[in-house]
Amino acid sequence: MRPVPRFVAALLAVALALAALTAVLVPLATAASAAAPAAAGLPPEAWQLGLLAASLATALSALGAGYAVAKVGAAAIGALAEKPELFGRLLIFVGLAEGIAIYGLIVSILILNRLA
């Protein structure tokens, strides 16, 4: 039997943490949606799903950006050790990987603005 790779073990740990967090936050979201302003005109289920979508957009994009920065950053450090003049170009690649988290945050802000 092969050992489980560290990446798969880390993903399983994150999935378990997200499941535990969801189990804790769903009752809180239900209570918050019952007290949600009626001016929005949304049913409580739509409010809950909107909050869930906003949180998933932020969380998953942050996880993806972290993974991308880890891979790109390691490769950039390796390339930088060989050719120091590539610093500017490598910084652009790391910045592009970080942009994934910014896009997720923008999407969650748009979702929350739509709910209000």
C-alpha atoms as a PDB file:
ATOM      1  CA  MET A   1       0.000   0.000   0.000  1.00  0.00           C
ATOM      2  CA  ARG A   2       1.402   3.403  -1.038  1.00  0.00           C
ATOM      3  CA  PRO A   3       1.552   6.236   1.494  1.00  0.00           C
ATOM      4  CA  VAL A   4      -0.823   9.142   0.978  1.00  0.00           C
ATOM      5  CA  PRO A   5       0.945  12.157  -0.570  1.00  0.00           C
ATOM      6  CA  ARG A   6       1.203  15.212   1.656  1.00  0.00           C
ATOM      7  CA  PHE A   7      -0.878  17.303  -0.742  1.00  0.00           C
ATOM      8  CA  VAL A   8      -3.779  14.854  -0.604  1.00  0.00           C
ATOM      9  CA  ALA A   9      -3.522  14.687   3.184  1.00  0.00           C
ATOM     10  CA  ALA A  10      -3.547  18.488   3.373  1.00  0.00           C
ATOM     11  CA  LEU A  11      -6.600  18.663   1.112  1.00  0.00           C
ATOM     12  CA  LEU A  12      -8.402  16.129   3.283  1.00  0.00           C
ATOM     13  CA  ALA A  13      -7.551  18.126   6.396  1.00  0.00           C
ATOM     14  CA  VAL A  14      -8.869  21.308   4.787  1.00  0.00           C
ATOM     15  CA  ALA A  15     -12.044  19.521   3.673  1.00  0.00           C
ATOM     16  CA  LEU A  16     -12.636  18.208   7.191  1.00  0.00           C
ATOM     17  CA  ALA A  17     -12.042  21.662   8.662  1.00  0.00           C
ATOM     18  CA  LEU A  18     -14.476  23.203   6.174  1.00  0.00           C
ATOM     19  CA  ALA A  19     -17.081  20.548   6.973  1.00  0.00           C
ATOM     20  CA  ALA A  20     -16.726  21.226  10.699  1.00  0.00           C
ATOM     21  CA  LEU A  21     -16.932  24.965  10.108  1.00  0.00           C
ATOM     22  CA  THR A  22     -20.026  24.504   7.970  1.00  0.00           C
ATOM     23  CA  ALA A  23     -21.650  22.393  10.673  1.00  0.00           C
ATOM     24  CA  VAL A  24     -21.080  25.216  13.137  1.00  0.00           C
ATOM     25  CA  LEU A  25     -21.985  28.125  10.856  1.00  0.00           C
ATOM     26  CA  VAL A  26     -25.158  26.770   9.235  1.00  0.00           C
ATOM     27  CA  PRO A  27     -27.247  27.083  12.419  1.00  0.00           C
ATOM     28  CA  LEU A  28     -25.820  30.568  12.939  1.00  0.00           C
ATOM     29  CA  ALA A  29     -26.687  31.521   9.358  1.00  0.00           C
ATOM     30  CA  THR A  30     -30.204  30.193   9.863  1.00  0.00           C
ATOM     31  CA  ALA A  31     -30.644  32.386  12.925  1.00  0.00           C
ATOM     32  CA  ALA A  32     -29.121  35.357  11.121  1.00  0.00           C
ATOM     33  CA  SER A  33     -31.335  34.856   8.083  1.00  0.00           C
ATOM     34  CA  ALA A  34     -34.420  34.831  10.276  1.00  0.00           C
ATOM     35  CA  ALA A  35     -33.354  38.239  11.566  1.00  0.00           C
ATOM     36  CA  ALA A  36     -32.353  39.475   8.088  1.00  0.00           C
ATOM     37  CA  PRO A  37     -33.919  42.717   6.950  1.00  0.00           C
ATOM     38  CA  ALA A  38     -37.197  42.270   5.121  1.00  0.00           C
ATOM     39  CA  ALA A  39     -36.303  45.165   2.810  1.00  0.00           C
ATOM     40  CA  ALA A  40     -34.153  42.856   0.731  1.00  0.00           C
ATOM     41  CA  GLY A  41     -37.255  40.885  -0.209  1.00  0.00           C
ATOM     42  CA  LEU A  42     -35.348  37.626  -0.375  1.00  0.00           C
ATOM     43  CA  PRO A  43     -36.559  34.381   1.128  1.00  0.00           C
ATOM     44  CA  PRO A  44     -34.342  33.049   3.935  1.00  0.00           C
ATOM     45  CA  GLU A  45     -33.104  30.172   1.750  1.00  0.00           C
ATOM     46  CA  ALA A  46     -31.804  32.587  -0.892  1.00  0.00           C
ATOM     47  CA  TRP A  47     -30.084  34.644   1.803  1.00  0.00           C
ATOM     48  CA  GLN A  48     -28.388  31.525   3.181  1.00  0.00           C
ATOM     49  CA  LEU A  49     -27.259  30.325  -0.226  1.00  0.00           C
ATOM     50  CA  GLY A  50     -25.932  33.789  -1.066  1.00  0.00           C
ATOM     51  CA  LEU A  51     -23.861  33.875   2.106  1.00  0.00           C
ATOM     52  CA  LEU A  52     -22.617  30.353   1.419  1.00  0.00           C
ATOM     53  CA  ALA A  53     -21.685  31.280  -2.153  1.00  0.00           C
ATOM     54  CA  ALA A  54     -19.792  34.383  -1.000  1.00  0.00           C
ATOM     55  CA  SER A  55     -17.861  32.442   1.617  1.00  0.00           C
ATOM     56  CA  LEU A  56     -17.033  29.614  -0.790  1.00  0.00           C
ATOM     57  CA  ALA A  57     -15.855  32.082  -3.442  1.00  0.00           C
ATOM     58  CA  THR A  58     -13.440  33.637  -0.986  1.00  0.00           C
ATOM     59  CA  ALA A  59     -12.290  30.410   0.661  1.00  0.00           C
ATOM     60  CA  LEU A  60     -11.716  28.372  -2.484  1.00  0.00           C
ATOM     61  CA  SER A  61      -9.985  31.177  -4.344  1.00  0.00           C
ATOM     62  CA  ALA A  62      -7.687  31.733  -1.359  1.00  0.00           C
ATOM     63  CA  LEU A  63      -6.857  28.009  -1.272  1.00  0.00           C
ATOM     64  CA  GLY A  64      -6.187  27.998  -5.006  1.00  0.00           C
ATOM     65  CA  ALA A  65      -4.032  31.107  -4.763  1.00  0.00           C
ATOM     66  CA  GLY A  66      -2.051  29.622  -1.898  1.00  0.00           C
ATOM     67  CA  TYR A  67      -1.385  26.465  -3.879  1.00  0.00           C
ATOM     68  CA  ALA A  68      -0.447  28.455  -6.987  1.00  0.00           C
ATOM     69  CA  VAL A  69       1.906  30.754  -5.081  1.00  0.00           C
ATOM     70  CA  ALA A  70       3.549  27.738  -3.450  1.00  0.00           C
ATOM     71  CA  LYS A  71       4.235  26.076  -6.778  1.00  0.00           C
ATOM     72  CA  VAL A  72       5.170  29.228  -8.701  1.00  0.00           C
ATOM     73  CA  GLY A  73       7.217  30.629  -5.826  1.00  0.00           C
ATOM     74  CA  ALA A  74       9.275  27.469  -5.483  1.00  0.00           C
ATOM     75  CA  ALA A  75       9.952  27.404  -9.207  1.00  0.00           C
ATOM     76  CA  ALA A  76      10.753  31.122  -9.193  1.00  0.00           C
ATOM     77  CA  ILE A  77      13.299  30.725  -6.396  1.00  0.00           C
ATOM     78  CA  GLY A  78      14.937  27.894  -8.318  1.00  0.00           C
ATOM     79  CA  ALA A  79      15.114  29.970 -11.492  1.00  0.00           C
ATOM     80  CA  LEU A  80      16.322  33.014  -9.550  1.00  0.00           C
ATOM     81  CA  ALA A  81      19.216  31.026  -8.119  1.00  0.00           C
ATOM     82  CA  GLU A  82      20.362  30.246 -11.645  1.00  0.00           C
ATOM     83  CA  LYS A  83      19.664  33.639 -13.277  1.00  0.00           C
ATOM     84  CA  PRO A  84      19.231  36.597 -10.902  1.00  0.00           C
ATOM     85  CA  GLU A  85      18.330  38.934 -13.781  1.00  0.00           C
ATOM     86  CA  LEU A  86      14.923  37.198 -14.097  1.00  0.00           C
ATOM     87  CA  PHE A  87      13.635  38.719 -10.850  1.00  0.00           C
ATOM     88  CA  GLY A  88      11.173  41.124 -12.498  1.00  0.00           C
ATOM     89  CA  ARG A  89       9.662  38.490 -14.760  1.00  0.00           C
ATOM     90  CA  LEU A  90       9.335  35.980 -11.931  1.00  0.00           C
ATOM     91  CA  LEU A  91       7.675  38.552  -9.708  1.00  0.00           C
ATOM     92  CA  ILE A  92       4.987  38.977 -12.366  1.00  0.00           C
ATOM     93  CA  PHE A  93       4.202  35.248 -12.278  1.00  0.00           C
ATOM     94  CA  VAL A  94       3.886  35.234  -8.501  1.00  0.00           C
ATOM     95  CA  GLY A  95       1.657  38.320  -8.711  1.00  0.00           C
ATOM     96  CA  LEU A  96      -0.587  36.580 -11.229  1.00  0.00           C
ATOM     97  CA  ALA A  97      -0.954  33.639  -8.873  1.00  0.00           C
ATOM     98  CA  GLU A  98      -1.900  36.000  -6.029  1.00  0.00           C
ATOM     99  CA  GLY A  99      -4.484  37.628  -8.274  1.00  0.00           C
ATOM    100  CA  ILE A 100      -6.651  34.518  -7.988  1.00  0.00           C
ATOM    101  CA  ALA A 101      -7.460  35.412  -4.381  1.00  0.00           C
ATOM    102  CA  ILE A 102      -8.304  38.983  -5.361  1.00  0.00           C
ATOM    103  CA  TYR A 103     -10.734  37.737  -8.011  1.00  0.00           C
ATOM    104  CA  GLY A 104     -12.475  35.514  -5.463  1.00  0.00           C
ATOM    105  CA  LEU A 105     -12.771  38.419  -3.043  1.00  0.00           C
ATOM    106  CA  ILE A 106     -14.258  40.633  -5.766  1.00  0.00           C
ATOM    107  CA  VAL A 107     -16.793  37.936  -6.659  1.00  0.00           C
ATOM    108  CA  SER A 108     -17.838  37.564  -3.016  1.00  0.00           C
ATOM    109  CA  ILE A 109     -18.231  41.342  -2.676  1.00  0.00           C
ATOM    110  CA  LEU A 110     -20.435  41.354  -5.781  1.00  0.00           C
ATOM    111  CA  ILE A 111     -22.540  38.532  -4.365  1.00  0.00           C
ATOM    112  CA  LEU A 112     -22.955  40.327  -1.036  1.00  0.00           C
ATOM    113  CA  ASN A 113     -23.894  43.581  -2.810  1.00  0.00           C
ATOM    114  CA  ARG A 114     -26.535  41.672  -4.740  1.00  0.00           C
ATOM    115  CA  LEU A 115     -28.000  40.307  -1.482  1.00  0.00           C
ATOM    116  CA  ALA A 116     -28.288  43.733   0.129  1.00  0.00           C
END
